[in-house]
Amino acid sequence: MTNPTPIVTLLTRAGCGMCTTALAQLETICGDFGLPVRTVDVDEAAAEDPGLRAEYGDRLPVVLLDGREHSYFDVDEPRLRADLSRFAGRGGK
């Protein structure tokens, strides 16, 4: 059974200005849906999951929706809002 509430994750790293901008955008968008934004610093996570930094580390920030890549570099706001709306229509928040 899948979780009806979507999980939005921002892959980031310390000192990344684009990541800071993306986080602010995501907090606004997700706030409109009553959802938190989870952040994962790929450099910190590399101790336990080196593959995460290897796969995404050169194209940060990366937005994941339920663990799947949704967008990178820029938040695709129209697409994310549409996808979150679909979740809301299926019984999510």
C-alpha atoms as a PDB file:
ATOM      1  CA  MET A   1       0.000   0.000   0.000  1.00  0.00           C
ATOM      2  CA  THR A   2       1.384   3.411  -0.903  1.00  0.00           C
ATOM      3  CA  ASN A   3       1.269   6.462   1.298  1.00  0.00           C
ATOM      4  CA  PRO A   4      -1.493   8.808   0.105  1.00  0.00           C
ATOM      5  CA  THR A   5       0.430  11.814   1.433  1.00  0.00           C
ATOM      6  CA  PRO A   6       3.245  12.790  -0.927  1.00  0.00           C
ATOM      7  CA  ILE A   7       6.768  13.280   0.380  1.00  0.00           C
ATOM      8  CA  VAL A   8       8.642  16.236  -1.074  1.00  0.00           C
ATOM      9  CA  THR A   9      12.404  16.097  -0.592  1.00  0.00           C
ATOM     10  CA  LEU A  10      14.999  18.661  -1.584  1.00  0.00           C
ATOM     11  CA  LEU A  11      18.506  17.342  -2.179  1.00  0.00           C
ATOM     12  CA  THR A  12      20.931  20.086  -1.278  1.00  0.00           C
ATOM     13  CA  ARG A  13      24.384  20.925   0.050  1.00  0.00           C
ATOM     14  CA  ALA A  14      25.797  23.576   2.333  1.00  0.00           C
ATOM     15  CA  GLY A  15      26.615  26.865   0.620  1.00  0.00           C
ATOM     16  CA  CYS A  16      24.397  26.245  -2.404  1.00  0.00           C
ATOM     17  CA  GLY A  17      22.569  29.482  -3.222  1.00  0.00           C
ATOM     18  CA  MET A  18      20.266  27.809  -5.732  1.00  0.00           C
ATOM     19  CA  CYS A  19      19.352  25.289  -3.034  1.00  0.00           C
ATOM     20  CA  THR A  20      18.350  28.090  -0.663  1.00  0.00           C
ATOM     21  CA  THR A  21      16.113  29.596  -3.344  1.00  0.00           C
ATOM     22  CA  ALA A  22      14.580  26.209  -4.156  1.00  0.00           C
ATOM     23  CA  LEU A  23      13.859  25.544  -0.483  1.00  0.00           C
ATOM     24  CA  ALA A  24      12.020  28.853  -0.125  1.00  0.00           C
ATOM     25  CA  GLN A  25       9.927  28.044  -3.213  1.00  0.00           C
ATOM     26  CA  LEU A  26       9.151  24.552  -1.963  1.00  0.00           C
ATOM     27  CA  GLU A  27       8.166  25.792   1.482  1.00  0.00           C
ATOM     28  CA  THR A  28       5.618  28.113  -0.133  1.00  0.00           C
ATOM     29  CA  ILE A  29       4.252  25.511  -2.554  1.00  0.00           C
ATOM     30  CA  CYS A  30       4.128  22.686  -0.042  1.00  0.00           C
ATOM     31  CA  GLY A  31       2.710  25.013   2.600  1.00  0.00           C
ATOM     32  CA  ASP A  32      -0.253  25.594   0.308  1.00  0.00           C
ATOM     33  CA  PHE A  33      -0.890  21.830   0.473  1.00  0.00           C
ATOM     34  CA  GLY A  34      -0.154  21.465   4.187  1.00  0.00           C
ATOM     35  CA  LEU A  35       2.977  19.442   3.502  1.00  0.00           C
ATOM     36  CA  PRO A  36       6.429  19.668   5.015  1.00  0.00           C
ATOM     37  CA  VAL A  37       9.571  19.808   2.900  1.00  0.00           C
ATOM     38  CA  ARG A  38      12.223  17.282   3.790  1.00  0.00           C
ATOM     39  CA  THR A  39      15.829  18.285   3.061  1.00  0.00           C
ATOM     40  CA  VAL A  40      18.793  15.986   2.575  1.00  0.00           C
ATOM     41  CA  ASP A  41      22.340  17.292   2.343  1.00  0.00           C
ATOM     42  CA  VAL A  42      23.973  14.923  -0.141  1.00  0.00           C
ATOM     43  CA  ASP A  43      27.427  15.493   1.335  1.00  0.00           C
ATOM     44  CA  GLU A  44      26.289  14.595   4.852  1.00  0.00           C
ATOM     45  CA  ALA A  45      24.264  11.637   3.564  1.00  0.00           C
ATOM     46  CA  ALA A  46      27.273  10.320   1.636  1.00  0.00           C
ATOM     47  CA  ALA A  47      28.604   8.642   4.784  1.00  0.00           C
ATOM     48  CA  GLU A  48      25.678   6.213   4.664  1.00  0.00           C
ATOM     49  CA  ASP A  49      24.564   6.562   1.035  1.00  0.00           C
ATOM     50  CA  PRO A  50      27.456   7.513  -1.256  1.00  0.00           C
ATOM     51  CA  GLY A  51      25.317   6.747  -4.295  1.00  0.00           C
ATOM     52  CA  LEU A  52      23.080   9.711  -3.536  1.00  0.00           C
ATOM     53  CA  ARG A  53      25.924  12.196  -3.932  1.00  0.00           C
ATOM     54  CA  ALA A  54      27.322  10.287  -6.906  1.00  0.00           C
ATOM     55  CA  GLU A  55      23.993  10.436  -8.753  1.00  0.00           C
ATOM     56  CA  TYR A  56      22.749  13.906  -7.827  1.00  0.00           C
ATOM     57  CA  GLY A  57      25.717  15.850  -6.463  1.00  0.00           C
ATOM     58  CA  ASP A  58      26.572  17.672  -9.690  1.00  0.00           C
ATOM     59  CA  ARG A  59      23.028  18.909 -10.434  1.00  0.00           C
ATOM     60  CA  LEU A  60      21.769  20.312  -7.175  1.00  0.00           C
ATOM     61  CA  PRO A  61      19.232  21.311  -6.111  1.00  0.00           C
ATOM     62  CA  VAL A  62      17.089  18.297  -6.936  1.00  0.00           C
ATOM     63  CA  VAL A  63      13.430  17.960  -5.995  1.00  0.00           C
ATOM     64  CA  LEU A  64      12.184  14.450  -5.305  1.00  0.00           C
ATOM     65  CA  LEU A  65       8.513  13.577  -5.120  1.00  0.00           C
ATOM     66  CA  ASP A  66       8.012  10.309  -3.290  1.00  0.00           C
ATOM     67  CA  GLY A  67      11.647   9.429  -3.909  1.00  0.00           C
ATOM     68  CA  ARG A  68      11.535  10.041  -7.662  1.00  0.00           C
ATOM     69  CA  GLU A  69      13.294  12.900  -9.377  1.00  0.00           C
ATOM     70  CA  HIS A  70      10.794  15.634 -10.149  1.00  0.00           C
ATOM     71  CA  SER A  71      13.034  18.547 -11.180  1.00  0.00           C
ATOM     72  CA  TYR A  72      16.550  19.856 -10.781  1.00  0.00           C
ATOM     73  CA  PHE A  73      18.282  23.233 -10.776  1.00  0.00           C
ATOM     74  CA  ASP A  74      14.889  24.992 -10.780  1.00  0.00           C
ATOM     75  CA  VAL A  75      11.639  24.019  -9.084  1.00  0.00           C
ATOM     76  CA  ASP A  76       9.064  23.223 -11.765  1.00  0.00           C
ATOM     77  CA  GLU A  77       6.284  24.968  -9.852  1.00  0.00           C
ATOM     78  CA  PRO A  78       3.378  24.409 -12.285  1.00  0.00           C
ATOM     79  CA  ARG A  79       4.177  20.706 -12.606  1.00  0.00           C
ATOM     80  CA  LEU A  80       4.714  20.248  -8.855  1.00  0.00           C
ATOM     81  CA  ARG A  81       1.453  22.001  -8.014  1.00  0.00           C
ATOM     82  CA  ALA A  82      -0.376  19.838 -10.567  1.00  0.00           C
ATOM     83  CA  ASP A  83       1.159  16.662  -9.170  1.00  0.00           C
ATOM     84  CA  LEU A  84       0.387  17.634  -5.577  1.00  0.00           C
ATOM     85  CA  SER A  85      -3.177  18.483  -6.600  1.00  0.00           C
ATOM     86  CA  ARG A  86      -3.554  14.989  -8.038  1.00  0.00           C
ATOM     87  CA  PHE A  87      -2.409  13.523  -4.717  1.00  0.00           C
ATOM     88  CA  ALA A  88      -4.939  15.711  -2.902  1.00  0.00           C
ATOM     89  CA  GLY A  89      -7.663  14.407  -5.205  1.00  0.00           C
ATOM     90  CA  ARG A  90      -6.808  10.808  -4.279  1.00  0.00           C
ATOM     91  CA  GLY A  91      -7.404  11.256  -0.581  1.00  0.00           C
ATOM     92  CA  GLY A  92      -4.126  12.884   0.428  1.00  0.00           C
ATOM     93  CA  LYS A  93      -3.960  16.209   2.216  1.00  0.00           C
END
